[in-house]
Amino acid sequence: QVQLVESGGGLVQAGGSLKLSCAASGLSFGVYWMGWFRQAPGKEREFVAAIIQSGGRPYYADSVKGRFTVSRDNTKNTMYLQMNSLKPEDTAVYYCASSLVLSTAPRAYGNWGQGTQVTVSS
């Protein structure tokens, strides 16, 4: 049974930082592209970042480029999202997901975590 479990969300002031983790089990972690998505109330789920199997090349949405860093540790079956210079518009539920192909589209990702809330106060 595949499980993706996010952690590390919380409440932070604008300009602050948070680090999210996504722990995976029940899948061959190193085979998958891994992605981060977020969904704010009343909005569609949107791509945030993705990272290739080896961890060597990250991809970012323009809205987070230069502020967020995605990484992974295949020895721990875990992916991370370091979020710096947070803005109120970053407030959302953040999800991690796995895919066999590189894509920014949620429909390409077959396994999803339950999400972790990130709230940025102004």
PDB file of N, CA and C in Angstrom:
ATOM      1  N   GLN A   1       0.839  -1.188   0.000  1.00  0.00           N
ATOM      2  CA  GLN A   1       0.000   0.000   0.000  1.00  0.00           C
ATOM      3  C   GLN A   1       0.877   1.242   0.000  1.00  0.00           C
ATOM      4  N   VAL A   2       0.682   2.089  -1.000  1.00  0.00           N
ATOM      5  CA  VAL A   2       1.472   3.310  -1.102  1.00  0.00           C
ATOM      6  C   VAL A   2       0.975   4.346  -0.105  1.00  0.00           C
ATOM      7  N   GLN A   3       1.909   4.929   0.607  1.00  0.00           N
ATOM      8  CA  GLN A   3       1.579   6.026   1.516  1.00  0.00           C
ATOM      9  C   GLN A   3       2.560   7.162   1.327  1.00  0.00           C
ATOM     10  N   LEU A   4       2.025   8.363   1.213  1.00  0.00           N
ATOM     11  CA  LEU A   4       2.812   9.585   1.212  1.00  0.00           C
ATOM     12  C   LEU A   4       2.291  10.428   2.371  1.00  0.00           C
ATOM     13  N   VAL A   5       3.188  10.797   3.270  1.00  0.00           N
ATOM     14  CA  VAL A   5       2.784  11.520   4.473  1.00  0.00           C
ATOM     15  C   VAL A   5       3.568  12.817   4.570  1.00  0.00           C
ATOM     16  N   GLU A   6       2.837  13.928   4.472  1.00  0.00           N
ATOM     17  CA  GLU A   6       3.466  15.243   4.588  1.00  0.00           C
ATOM     18  C   GLU A   6       3.511  15.676   6.057  1.00  0.00           C
ATOM     19  N   SER A   7       4.513  16.479   6.374  1.00  0.00           N
ATOM     20  CA  SER A   7       4.621  17.072   7.701  1.00  0.00           C
ATOM     21  C   SER A   7       5.397  18.371   7.590  1.00  0.00           C
ATOM     22  N   GLY A   8       5.325  19.173   8.644  1.00  0.00           N
ATOM     23  CA  GLY A   8       6.108  20.396   8.703  1.00  0.00           C
ATOM     24  C   GLY A   8       5.323  21.670   8.461  1.00  0.00           C
ATOM     25  N   GLY A   9       4.044  21.547   8.160  1.00  0.00           N
ATOM     26  CA  GLY A   9       3.255  22.748   7.969  1.00  0.00           C
ATOM     27  C   GLY A   9       3.017  23.486   9.277  1.00  0.00           C
ATOM     28  N   GLY A  10       2.450  24.677   9.160  1.00  0.00           N
ATOM     29  CA  GLY A  10       2.155  25.453  10.355  1.00  0.00           C
ATOM     30  C   GLY A  10       1.851  26.894  10.019  1.00  0.00           C
ATOM     31  N   LEU A  11       1.858  27.711  11.066  1.00  0.00           N
ATOM     32  CA  LEU A  11       1.591  29.143  10.947  1.00  0.00           C
ATOM     33  C   LEU A  11       2.898  29.902  11.056  1.00  0.00           C
ATOM     34  N   VAL A  12       3.140  30.796  10.119  1.00  0.00           N
ATOM     35  CA  VAL A  12       4.377  31.570  10.116  1.00  0.00           C
ATOM     36  C   VAL A  12       4.064  32.981   9.630  1.00  0.00           C
ATOM     37  N   GLN A  13       4.847  33.925  10.075  1.00  0.00           N
ATOM     38  CA  GLN A  13       4.675  35.306   9.629  1.00  0.00           C
ATOM     39  C   GLN A  13       5.305  35.490   8.243  1.00  0.00           C
ATOM     40  N   ALA A  14       4.797  36.458   7.533  1.00  0.00           N
ATOM     41  CA  ALA A  14       5.366  36.792   6.232  1.00  0.00           C
ATOM     42  C   ALA A  14       6.869  37.054   6.360  1.00  0.00           C
ATOM     43  N   GLY A  15       7.619  36.516   5.415  1.00  0.00           N
ATOM     44  CA  GLY A  15       9.067  36.624   5.469  1.00  0.00           C
ATOM     45  C   GLY A  15       9.745  35.466   6.173  1.00  0.00           C
ATOM     46  N   GLY A  16       8.953  34.638   6.819  1.00  0.00           N
ATOM     47  CA  GLY A  16       9.508  33.503   7.550  1.00  0.00           C
ATOM     48  C   GLY A  16       9.747  32.293   6.671  1.00  0.00           C
ATOM     49  N   SER A  17      10.118  31.186   7.316  1.00  0.00           N
ATOM     50  CA  SER A  17      10.478  29.961   6.602  1.00  0.00           C
ATOM     51  C   SER A  17       9.801  28.757   7.233  1.00  0.00           C
ATOM     52  N   LEU A  18       9.577  27.763   6.404  1.00  0.00           N
ATOM     53  CA  LEU A  18       9.114  26.456   6.844  1.00  0.00           C
ATOM     54  C   LEU A  18       9.770  25.406   5.966  1.00  0.00           C
ATOM     55  N   LYS A  19       9.921  24.205   6.523  1.00  0.00           N
ATOM     56  CA  LYS A  19      10.425  23.084   5.731  1.00  0.00           C
ATOM     57  C   LYS A  19       9.429  21.947   5.814  1.00  0.00           C
ATOM     58  N   LEU A  20       8.910  21.564   4.680  1.00  0.00           N
ATOM     59  CA  LEU A  20       7.980  20.450   4.594  1.00  0.00           C
ATOM     60  C   LEU A  20       8.730  19.171   4.264  1.00  0.00           C
ATOM     61  N   SER A  21       8.207  18.066   4.768  1.00  0.00           N
ATOM     62  CA  SER A  21       8.742  16.746   4.455  1.00  0.00           C
ATOM     63  C   SER A  21       7.631  15.878   3.890  1.00  0.00           C
ATOM     64  N   CYS A  22       8.019  14.949   3.049  1.00  0.00           N
ATOM     65  CA  CYS A  22       7.086  13.972   2.494  1.00  0.00           C
ATOM     66  C   CYS A  22       7.747  12.606   2.609  1.00  0.00           C
ATOM     67  N   ALA A  23       7.236  11.782   3.500  1.00  0.00           N
ATOM     68  CA  ALA A  23       7.778  10.447   3.707  1.00  0.00           C
ATOM     69  C   ALA A  23       6.967   9.440   2.905  1.00  0.00           C
ATOM     70  N   ALA A  24       7.662   8.651   2.109  1.00  0.00           N
ATOM     71  CA  ALA A  24       6.996   7.695   1.223  1.00  0.00           C
ATOM     72  C   ALA A  24       7.234   6.269   1.679  1.00  0.00           C
ATOM     73  N   SER A  25       6.235   5.446   1.499  1.00  0.00           N
ATOM     74  CA  SER A  25       6.376   4.021   1.777  1.00  0.00           C
ATOM     75  C   SER A  25       5.485   3.250   0.809  1.00  0.00           C
ATOM     76  N   GLY A  26       5.841   1.961   0.615  1.00  0.00           N
ATOM     77  CA  GLY A  26       5.034   1.118  -0.252  1.00  0.00           C
ATOM     78  C   GLY A  26       5.277   1.313  -1.739  1.00  0.00           C
ATOM     79  N   LEU A  27       6.328   2.034  -2.109  1.00  0.00           N
ATOM     80  CA  LEU A  27       6.663   2.216  -3.518  1.00  0.00           C
ATOM     81  C   LEU A  27       8.180   2.291  -3.669  1.00  0.00           C
ATOM     82  N   SER A  28       8.656   2.031  -4.869  1.00  0.00           N
ATOM     83  CA  SER A  28      10.080   2.158  -5.159  1.00  0.00           C
ATOM     84  C   SER A  28      10.386   3.631  -5.371  1.00  0.00           C
ATOM     85  N   PHE A  29      10.705   4.298  -4.287  1.00  0.00           N
ATOM     86  CA  PHE A  29      10.791   5.761  -4.269  1.00  0.00           C
ATOM     87  C   PHE A  29      11.704   6.296  -5.365  1.00  0.00           C
ATOM     88  N   GLY A  30      12.833   5.662  -5.565  1.00  0.00           N
ATOM     89  CA  GLY A  30      13.809   6.154  -6.522  1.00  0.00           C
ATOM     90  C   GLY A  30      13.378   6.077  -7.970  1.00  0.00           C
ATOM     91  N   VAL A  31      12.288   5.407  -8.247  1.00  0.00           N
ATOM     92  CA  VAL A  31      11.781   5.279  -9.620  1.00  0.00           C
ATOM     93  C   VAL A  31      10.936   6.476 -10.014  1.00  0.00           C
ATOM     94  N   TYR A  32      10.410   7.172  -9.036  1.00  0.00           N
ATOM     95  CA  TYR A  32       9.388   8.183  -9.281  1.00  0.00           C
ATOM     96  C   TYR A  32       9.908   9.606  -9.300  1.00  0.00           C
ATOM     97  N   TRP A  33       9.346  10.412 -10.239  1.00  0.00           N
ATOM     98  CA  TRP A  33       9.387  11.849 -10.080  1.00  0.00           C
ATOM     99  C   TRP A  33       8.515  12.173  -8.863  1.00  0.00           C
ATOM    100  N   MET A  34       8.923  13.161  -8.108  1.00  0.00           N
ATOM    101  CA  MET A  34       8.132  13.584  -6.961  1.00  0.00           C
ATOM    102  C   MET A  34       7.788  15.060  -7.108  1.00  0.00           C
ATOM    103  N   GLY A  35       6.581  15.396  -6.715  1.00  0.00           N
ATOM    104  CA  GLY A  35       6.143  16.772  -6.874  1.00  0.00           C
ATOM    105  C   GLY A  35       5.461  17.324  -5.641  1.00  0.00           C
ATOM    106  N   TRP A  36       5.473  18.625  -5.545  1.00  0.00           N
ATOM    107  CA  TRP A  36       4.712  19.360  -4.526  1.00  0.00           C
ATOM    108  C   TRP A  36       3.653  20.185  -5.235  1.00  0.00           C
ATOM    109  N   PHE A  37       2.466  20.147  -4.700  1.00  0.00           N
ATOM    110  CA  PHE A  37       1.344  20.947  -5.184  1.00  0.00           C
ATOM    111  C   PHE A  37       0.736  21.672  -3.997  1.00  0.00           C
ATOM    112  N   ARG A  38      -0.081  22.664  -4.285  1.00  0.00           N
ATOM    113  CA  ARG A  38      -0.796  23.338  -3.215  1.00  0.00           C
ATOM    114  C   ARG A  38      -2.180  23.735  -3.687  1.00  0.00           C
ATOM    115  N   GLN A  39      -3.064  23.877  -2.728  1.00  0.00           N
ATOM    116  CA  GLN A  39      -4.435  24.266  -3.040  1.00  0.00           C
ATOM    117  C   GLN A  39      -4.940  25.221  -1.975  1.00  0.00           C
ATOM    118  N   ALA A  40      -5.265  26.415  -2.408  1.00  0.00           N
ATOM    119  CA  ALA A  40      -5.833  27.419  -1.520  1.00  0.00           C
ATOM    120  C   ALA A  40      -7.358  27.326  -1.586  1.00  0.00           C
ATOM    121  N   PRO A  41      -8.047  27.818  -0.567  1.00  0.00           N
ATOM    122  CA  PRO A  41      -9.511  27.741  -0.568  1.00  0.00           C
ATOM    123  C   PRO A  41     -10.108  28.403  -1.799  1.00  0.00           C
ATOM    124  N   GLY A  42     -11.003  27.688  -2.471  1.00  0.00           N
ATOM    125  CA  GLY A  42     -11.670  28.237  -3.635  1.00  0.00           C
ATOM    126  C   GLY A  42     -10.854  28.238  -4.904  1.00  0.00           C
ATOM    127  N   LYS A  43      -9.665  27.666  -4.840  1.00  0.00           N
ATOM    128  CA  LYS A  43      -8.798  27.650  -6.025  1.00  0.00           C
ATOM    129  C   LYS A  43      -8.464  26.222  -6.421  1.00  0.00           C
ATOM    130  N   GLU A  44      -8.010  26.059  -7.658  1.00  0.00           N
ATOM    131  CA  GLU A  44      -7.599  24.749  -8.127  1.00  0.00           C
ATOM    132  C   GLU A  44      -6.223  24.392  -7.561  1.00  0.00           C
ATOM    133  N   ARG A  45      -5.988  23.083  -7.528  1.00  0.00           N
ATOM    134  CA  ARG A  45      -4.678  22.628  -7.089  1.00  0.00           C
ATOM    135  C   ARG A  45      -3.639  23.061  -8.124  1.00  0.00           C
ATOM    136  N   GLU A  46      -2.510  23.590  -7.634  1.00  0.00           N
ATOM    137  CA  GLU A  46      -1.509  24.103  -8.558  1.00  0.00           C
ATOM    138  C   GLU A  46      -0.133  23.508  -8.270  1.00  0.00           C
ATOM    139  N   PHE A  47       0.636  23.408  -9.333  1.00  0.00           N
ATOM    140  CA  PHE A  47       1.999  22.891  -9.239  1.00  0.00           C
ATOM    141  C   PHE A  47       2.885  23.875  -8.487  1.00  0.00           C
ATOM    142  N   VAL A  48       3.752  23.331  -7.653  1.00  0.00           N
ATOM    143  CA  VAL A  48       4.726  24.138  -6.918  1.00  0.00           C
ATOM    144  C   VAL A  48       6.144  23.785  -7.349  1.00  0.00           C
ATOM    145  N   ALA A  49       6.490  22.499  -7.262  1.00  0.00           N
ATOM    146  CA  ALA A  49       7.852  22.072  -7.571  1.00  0.00           C
ATOM    147  C   ALA A  49       7.862  20.574  -7.849  1.00  0.00           C
ATOM    148  N   ALA A  50       8.881  20.149  -8.591  1.00  0.00           N
ATOM    149  CA  ALA A  50       9.064  18.724  -8.857  1.00  0.00           C
ATOM    150  C   ALA A  50      10.548  18.432  -8.948  1.00  0.00           C
ATOM    151  N   ILE A  51      10.886  17.169  -8.740  1.00  0.00           N
ATOM    152  CA  ILE A  51      12.287  16.793  -8.744  1.00  0.00           C
ATOM    153  C   ILE A  51      12.424  15.401  -9.362  1.00  0.00           C
ATOM    154  N   ILE A  52      13.495  15.243 -10.177  1.00  0.00           N
ATOM    155  CA  ILE A  52      13.685  13.974 -10.870  1.00  0.00           C
ATOM    156  C   ILE A  52      14.142  12.884  -9.902  1.00  0.00           C
ATOM    157  N   GLN A  53      14.178  11.678 -10.404  1.00  0.00           N
ATOM    158  CA  GLN A  53      14.462  10.528  -9.558  1.00  0.00           C
ATOM    159  C   GLN A  53      15.781  10.652  -8.810  1.00  0.00           C
ATOM    160  N   SER A  54      16.806  11.138  -9.488  1.00  0.00           N
ATOM    161  CA  SER A  54      18.124  11.236  -8.876  1.00  0.00           C
ATOM    162  C   SER A  54      18.265  12.447  -7.962  1.00  0.00           C
ATOM    163  N   GLY A  55      17.325  13.374  -8.068  1.00  0.00           N
ATOM    164  CA  GLY A  55      17.404  14.592  -7.271  1.00  0.00           C
ATOM    165  C   GLY A  55      18.251  15.670  -7.902  1.00  0.00           C
ATOM    166  N   GLY A  56      18.715  15.455  -9.115  1.00  0.00           N
ATOM    167  CA  GLY A  56      19.670  16.373  -9.714  1.00  0.00           C
ATOM    168  C   GLY A  56      19.072  17.582 -10.402  1.00  0.00           C
ATOM    169  N   ARG A  57      17.797  17.561 -10.739  1.00  0.00           N
ATOM    170  CA  ARG A  57      17.235  18.692 -11.468  1.00  0.00           C
ATOM    171  C   ARG A  57      15.848  19.023 -10.946  1.00  0.00           C
ATOM    172  N   PRO A  58      15.710  20.145 -10.274  1.00  0.00           N
ATOM    173  CA  PRO A  58      14.395  20.554  -9.794  1.00  0.00           C
ATOM    174  C   PRO A  58      13.657  21.448 -10.787  1.00  0.00           C
ATOM    175  N   TYR A  59      12.368  21.481 -10.684  1.00  0.00           N
ATOM    176  CA  TYR A  59      11.516  22.352 -11.489  1.00  0.00           C
ATOM    177  C   TYR A  59      10.615  23.130 -10.523  1.00  0.00           C
ATOM    178  N   TYR A  60      10.357  24.395 -10.843  1.00  0.00           N
ATOM    179  CA  TYR A  60       9.580  25.251  -9.967  1.00  0.00           C
ATOM    180  C   TYR A  60       8.538  26.050 -10.728  1.00  0.00           C
ATOM    181  N   ALA A  61       7.439  26.312 -10.055  1.00  0.00           N
ATOM    182  CA  ALA A  61       6.500  27.295 -10.564  1.00  0.00           C
ATOM    183  C   ALA A  61       7.140  28.675 -10.465  1.00  0.00           C
ATOM    184  N   ASP A  62       6.798  29.546 -11.390  1.00  0.00           N
ATOM    185  CA  ASP A  62       7.390  30.888 -11.383  1.00  0.00           C
ATOM    186  C   ASP A  62       7.115  31.612 -10.074  1.00  0.00           C
ATOM    187  N   SER A  63       5.985  31.335  -9.471  1.00  0.00           N
ATOM    188  CA  SER A  63       5.591  32.052  -8.261  1.00  0.00           C
ATOM    189  C   SER A  63       6.465  31.729  -7.053  1.00  0.00           C
ATOM    190  N   VAL A  64       7.196  30.617  -7.105  1.00  0.00           N
ATOM    191  CA  VAL A  64       8.017  30.234  -5.950  1.00  0.00           C
ATOM    192  C   VAL A  64       9.502  30.190  -6.282  1.00  0.00           C
ATOM    193  N   LYS A  65       9.838  30.390  -7.540  1.00  0.00           N
ATOM    194  CA  LYS A  65      11.232  30.308  -7.966  1.00  0.00           C
ATOM    195  C   LYS A  65      12.077  31.318  -7.202  1.00  0.00           C
ATOM    196  N   GLY A  66      13.212  30.855  -6.696  1.00  0.00           N
ATOM    197  CA  GLY A  66      14.094  31.717  -5.929  1.00  0.00           C
ATOM    198  C   GLY A  66      13.782  31.766  -4.441  1.00  0.00           C
ATOM    199  N   ARG A  67      12.616  31.238  -4.057  1.00  0.00           N
ATOM    200  CA  ARG A  67      12.226  31.232  -2.638  1.00  0.00           C
ATOM    201  C   ARG A  67      12.111  29.815  -2.081  1.00  0.00           C
ATOM    202  N   PHE A  68      11.686  28.894  -2.898  1.00  0.00           N
ATOM    203  CA  PHE A  68      11.483  27.499  -2.466  1.00  0.00           C
ATOM    204  C   PHE A  68      12.575  26.621  -3.058  1.00  0.00           C
ATOM    205  N   THR A  69      12.948  25.583  -2.316  1.00  0.00           N
ATOM    206  CA  THR A  69      13.920  24.610  -2.786  1.00  0.00           C
ATOM    207  C   THR A  69      13.396  23.204  -2.514  1.00  0.00           C
ATOM    208  N   VAL A  70      13.305  22.412  -3.572  1.00  0.00           N
ATOM    209  CA  VAL A  70      12.862  21.024  -3.435  1.00  0.00           C
ATOM    210  C   VAL A  70      14.094  20.125  -3.450  1.00  0.00           C
ATOM    211  N   SER A  71      14.060  19.090  -2.630  1.00  0.00           N
ATOM    212  CA  SER A  71      15.161  18.134  -2.576  1.00  0.00           C
ATOM    213  C   SER A  71      14.598  16.772  -2.184  1.00  0.00           C
ATOM    214  N   ARG A  72      15.427  15.758  -2.304  1.00  0.00           N
ATOM    215  CA  ARG A  72      14.991  14.422  -1.903  1.00  0.00           C
ATOM    216  C   ARG A  72      16.176  13.623  -1.407  1.00  0.00           C
ATOM    217  N   ASP A  73      15.880  12.682  -0.531  1.00  0.00           N
ATOM    218  CA  ASP A  73      16.876  11.755  -0.010  1.00  0.00           C
ATOM    219  C   ASP A  73      16.337  10.353  -0.278  1.00  0.00           C
ATOM    220  N   ASN A  74      16.858   9.732  -1.317  1.00  0.00           N
ATOM    221  CA  ASN A  74      16.346   8.409  -1.693  1.00  0.00           C
ATOM    222  C   ASN A  74      16.693   7.333  -0.674  1.00  0.00           C
ATOM    223  N   THR A  75      17.703   7.580   0.163  1.00  0.00           N
ATOM    224  CA  THR A  75      18.038   6.599   1.211  1.00  0.00           C
ATOM    225  C   THR A  75      17.009   6.620   2.333  1.00  0.00           C
ATOM    226  N   LYS A  76      16.276   7.729   2.431  1.00  0.00           N
ATOM    227  CA  LYS A  76      15.255   7.857   3.470  1.00  0.00           C
ATOM    228  C   LYS A  76      13.836   7.864   2.887  1.00  0.00           C
ATOM    229  N   ASN A  77      13.739   7.687   1.566  1.00  0.00           N
ATOM    230  CA  ASN A  77      12.417   7.730   0.903  1.00  0.00           C
ATOM    231  C   ASN A  77      11.653   8.991   1.283  1.00  0.00           C
ATOM    232  N   THR A  78      12.348  10.107   1.252  1.00  0.00           N
ATOM    233  CA  THR A  78      11.753  11.358   1.710  1.00  0.00           C
ATOM    234  C   THR A  78      12.079  12.501   0.759  1.00  0.00           C
ATOM    235  N   MET A  79      11.087  13.346   0.539  1.00  0.00           N
ATOM    236  CA  MET A  79      11.266  14.561  -0.243  1.00  0.00           C
ATOM    237  C   MET A  79      11.015  15.755   0.675  1.00  0.00           C
ATOM    238  N   TYR A  80      11.663  16.866   0.356  1.00  0.00           N
ATOM    239  CA  TYR A  80      11.560  18.058   1.193  1.00  0.00           C
ATOM    240  C   TYR A  80      11.190  19.275   0.337  1.00  0.00           C
ATOM    241  N   LEU A  81      10.629  20.258   1.017  1.00  0.00           N
ATOM    242  CA  LEU A  81      10.392  21.551   0.387  1.00  0.00           C
ATOM    243  C   LEU A  81      10.768  22.625   1.397  1.00  0.00           C
ATOM    244  N   GLN A  82      11.888  23.269   1.154  1.00  0.00           N
ATOM    245  CA  GLN A  82      12.317  24.392   1.992  1.00  0.00           C
ATOM    246  C   GLN A  82      11.673  25.650   1.436  1.00  0.00           C
ATOM    247  N   MET A  83      10.903  26.315   2.261  1.00  0.00           N
ATOM    248  CA  MET A  83      10.183  27.499   1.820  1.00  0.00           C
ATOM    249  C   MET A  83      10.685  28.703   2.604  1.00  0.00           C
ATOM    250  N   ASN A  84      11.275  29.641   1.896  1.00  0.00           N
ATOM    251  CA  ASN A  84      11.798  30.864   2.495  1.00  0.00           C
ATOM    252  C   ASN A  84      11.037  32.074   1.978  1.00  0.00           C
ATOM    253  N   SER A  85      11.188  33.185   2.661  1.00  0.00           N
ATOM    254  CA  SER A  85      10.545  34.440   2.255  1.00  0.00           C
ATOM    255  C   SER A  85       9.063  34.221   1.958  1.00  0.00           C
ATOM    256  N   LEU A  86       8.401  33.563   2.869  1.00  0.00           N
ATOM    257  CA  LEU A  86       7.000  33.220   2.646  1.00  0.00           C
ATOM    258  C   LEU A  86       6.116  34.453   2.589  1.00  0.00           C
ATOM    259  N   LYS A  87       5.097  34.352   1.752  1.00  0.00           N
ATOM    260  CA  LYS A  87       4.157  35.445   1.542  1.00  0.00           C
ATOM    261  C   LYS A  87       2.752  34.971   1.912  1.00  0.00           C
ATOM    262  N   PRO A  88       1.852  35.876   2.247  1.00  0.00           N
ATOM    263  CA  PRO A  88       0.474  35.455   2.548  1.00  0.00           C
ATOM    264  C   PRO A  88      -0.158  34.657   1.415  1.00  0.00           C
ATOM    265  N   GLU A  89       0.204  34.962   0.191  1.00  0.00           N
ATOM    266  CA  GLU A  89      -0.366  34.222  -0.948  1.00  0.00           C
ATOM    267  C   GLU A  89       0.161  32.797  -1.068  1.00  0.00           C
ATOM    268  N   ASP A  90       1.125  32.432  -0.253  1.00  0.00           N
ATOM    269  CA  ASP A  90       1.584  31.037  -0.201  1.00  0.00           C
ATOM    270  C   ASP A  90       0.686  30.182   0.697  1.00  0.00           C
ATOM    271  N   THR A  91      -0.246  30.805   1.376  1.00  0.00           N
ATOM    272  CA  THR A  91      -1.150  30.070   2.256  1.00  0.00           C
ATOM    273  C   THR A  91      -1.974  29.066   1.457  1.00  0.00           C
ATOM    274  N   ALA A  92      -1.906  27.801   1.865  1.00  0.00           N
ATOM    275  CA  ALA A  92      -2.597  26.733   1.147  1.00  0.00           C
ATOM    276  C   ALA A  92      -2.355  25.419   1.883  1.00  0.00           C
ATOM    277  N   VAL A  93      -3.057  24.392   1.445  1.00  0.00           N
ATOM    278  CA  VAL A  93      -2.713  23.033   1.839  1.00  0.00           C
ATOM    279  C   VAL A  93      -1.700  22.529   0.815  1.00  0.00           C
ATOM    280  N   TYR A  94      -0.591  22.018   1.319  1.00  0.00           N
ATOM    281  CA  TYR A  94       0.479  21.532   0.456  1.00  0.00           C
ATOM    282  C   TYR A  94       0.443  20.008   0.416  1.00  0.00           C
ATOM    283  N   TYR A  95       0.525  19.486  -0.806  1.00  0.00           N
ATOM    284  CA  TYR A  95       0.459  18.041  -1.041  1.00  0.00           C
ATOM    285  C   TYR A  95       1.727  17.573  -1.736  1.00  0.00           C
ATOM    286  N   CYS A  96       2.170  16.378  -1.385  1.00  0.00           N
ATOM    287  CA  CYS A  96       3.209  15.747  -2.181  1.00  0.00           C
ATOM    288  C   CYS A  96       2.567  14.624  -2.996  1.00  0.00           C
ATOM    289  N   ALA A  97       3.206  14.306  -4.107  1.00  0.00           N
ATOM    290  CA  ALA A  97       2.646  13.322  -5.013  1.00  0.00           C
ATOM    291  C   ALA A  97       3.767  12.668  -5.812  1.00  0.00           C
ATOM    292  N   SER A  98       3.487  11.489  -6.322  1.00  0.00           N
ATOM    293  CA  SER A  98       4.473  10.756  -7.116  1.00  0.00           C
ATOM    294  C   SER A  98       3.951  10.520  -8.523  1.00  0.00           C
ATOM    295  N   SER A  99       4.891  10.493  -9.470  1.00  0.00           N
ATOM    296  CA  SER A  99       4.534  10.290 -10.868  1.00  0.00           C
ATOM    297  C   SER A  99       5.642   9.513 -11.565  1.00  0.00           C
ATOM    298  N   LEU A 100       5.280   8.794 -12.622  1.00  0.00           N
ATOM    299  CA  LEU A 100       6.276   8.086 -13.424  1.00  0.00           C
ATOM    300  C   LEU A 100       6.793   8.954 -14.570  1.00  0.00           C
ATOM    301  N   VAL A 101       6.214  10.130 -14.733  1.00  0.00           N
ATOM    302  CA  VAL A 101       6.653  11.047 -15.782  1.00  0.00           C
ATOM    303  C   VAL A 101       6.803  12.442 -15.193  1.00  0.00           C
ATOM    304  N   LEU A 102       7.614  13.245 -15.849  1.00  0.00           N
ATOM    305  CA  LEU A 102       7.749  14.636 -15.430  1.00  0.00           C
ATOM    306  C   LEU A 102       6.530  15.404 -15.918  1.00  0.00           C
ATOM    307  N   SER A 103       5.837  16.030 -15.024  1.00  0.00           N
ATOM    308  CA  SER A 103       4.671  16.808 -15.402  1.00  0.00           C
ATOM    309  C   SER A 103       4.361  17.823 -14.320  1.00  0.00           C
ATOM    310  N   THR A 104       3.764  18.926 -14.731  1.00  0.00           N
ATOM    311  CA  THR A 104       3.262  19.900 -13.774  1.00  0.00           C
ATOM    312  C   THR A 104       1.758  19.749 -13.577  1.00  0.00           C
ATOM    313  N   ALA A 105       1.160  18.788 -14.247  1.00  0.00           N
ATOM    314  CA  ALA A 105      -0.288  18.591 -14.171  1.00  0.00           C
ATOM    315  C   ALA A 105      -0.636  17.590 -13.075  1.00  0.00           C
ATOM    316  N   PRO A 106      -1.544  17.944 -12.199  1.00  0.00           N
ATOM    317  CA  PRO A 106      -1.926  17.018 -11.130  1.00  0.00           C
ATOM    318  C   PRO A 106      -2.387  15.660 -11.645  1.00  0.00           C
ATOM    319  N   ARG A 107      -3.005  15.617 -12.816  1.00  0.00           N
ATOM    320  CA  ARG A 107      -3.553  14.348 -13.317  1.00  0.00           C
ATOM    321  C   ARG A 107      -2.461  13.335 -13.652  1.00  0.00           C
ATOM    322  N   ALA A 108      -1.226  13.788 -13.765  1.00  0.00           N
ATOM    323  CA  ALA A 108      -0.119  12.874 -14.062  1.00  0.00           C
ATOM    324  C   ALA A 108       0.399  12.159 -12.825  1.00  0.00           C
ATOM    325  N   TYR A 109      -0.051  12.582 -11.658  1.00  0.00           N
ATOM    326  CA  TYR A 109       0.444  12.039 -10.402  1.00  0.00           C
ATOM    327  C   TYR A 109      -0.571  11.056  -9.826  1.00  0.00           C
ATOM    328  N   GLY A 110      -0.096   9.834  -9.583  1.00  0.00           N
ATOM    329  CA  GLY A 110      -1.015   8.775  -9.197  1.00  0.00           C
ATOM    330  C   GLY A 110      -1.184   8.586  -7.704  1.00  0.00           C
ATOM    331  N   ASN A 111      -0.201   8.986  -6.936  1.00  0.00           N
ATOM    332  CA  ASN A 111      -0.262   8.822  -5.485  1.00  0.00           C
ATOM    333  C   ASN A 111      -0.132  10.178  -4.817  1.00  0.00           C
ATOM    334  N   TRP A 112      -0.967  10.406  -3.813  1.00  0.00           N
ATOM    335  CA  TRP A 112      -1.021  11.700  -3.133  1.00  0.00           C
ATOM    336  C   TRP A 112      -1.016  11.518  -1.624  1.00  0.00           C
ATOM    337  N   GLY A 113      -0.409  12.474  -0.952  1.00  0.00           N
ATOM    338  CA  GLY A 113      -0.519  12.522   0.489  1.00  0.00           C
ATOM    339  C   GLY A 113      -1.797  13.213   0.912  1.00  0.00           C
ATOM    340  N   GLN A 114      -1.973  13.320   2.216  1.00  0.00           N
ATOM    341  CA  GLN A 114      -3.198  13.906   2.751  1.00  0.00           C
ATOM    342  C   GLN A 114      -3.117  15.423   2.848  1.00  0.00           C
ATOM    343  N   GLY A 115      -1.930  15.964   2.724  1.00  0.00           N
ATOM    344  CA  GLY A 115      -1.743  17.404   2.756  1.00  0.00           C
ATOM    345  C   GLY A 115      -1.361  17.935   4.122  1.00  0.00           C
ATOM    346  N   THR A 116      -0.684  19.065   4.123  1.00  0.00           N
ATOM    347  CA  THR A 116      -0.326  19.765   5.356  1.00  0.00           C
ATOM    348  C   THR A 116      -0.594  21.247   5.161  1.00  0.00           C
ATOM    349  N   GLN A 117      -1.210  21.868   6.154  1.00  0.00           N
ATOM    350  CA  GLN A 117      -1.621  23.266   6.040  1.00  0.00           C
ATOM    351  C   GLN A 117      -0.445  24.197   6.295  1.00  0.00           C
ATOM    352  N   VAL A 118      -0.282  25.150   5.409  1.00  0.00           N
ATOM    353  CA  VAL A 118       0.679  26.232   5.583  1.00  0.00           C
ATOM    354  C   VAL A 118      -0.098  27.539   5.587  1.00  0.00           C
ATOM    355  N   THR A 119       0.052  28.302   6.653  1.00  0.00           N
ATOM    356  CA  THR A 119      -0.629  29.583   6.771  1.00  0.00           C
ATOM    357  C   THR A 119       0.406  30.665   7.019  1.00  0.00           C
ATOM    358  N   VAL A 120       0.396  31.675   6.168  1.00  0.00           N
ATOM    359  CA  VAL A 120       1.343  32.777   6.276  1.00  0.00           C
ATOM    360  C   VAL A 120       0.561  34.036   6.623  1.00  0.00           C
ATOM    361  N   SER A 121       0.854  34.606   7.769  1.00  0.00           N
ATOM    362  CA  SER A 121       0.150  35.797   8.221  1.00  0.00           C
ATOM    363  C   SER A 121       0.905  37.044   7.784  1.00  0.00           C
ATOM    364  N   SER A 122       0.155  38.095   7.536  1.00  0.00           N
ATOM    365  CA  SER A 122       0.780  39.348   7.064  1.00  0.00           C
ATOM    366  C   SER A 122       1.140  40.243   8.222  1.00  0.00           C
TER     367      SER A 122
END
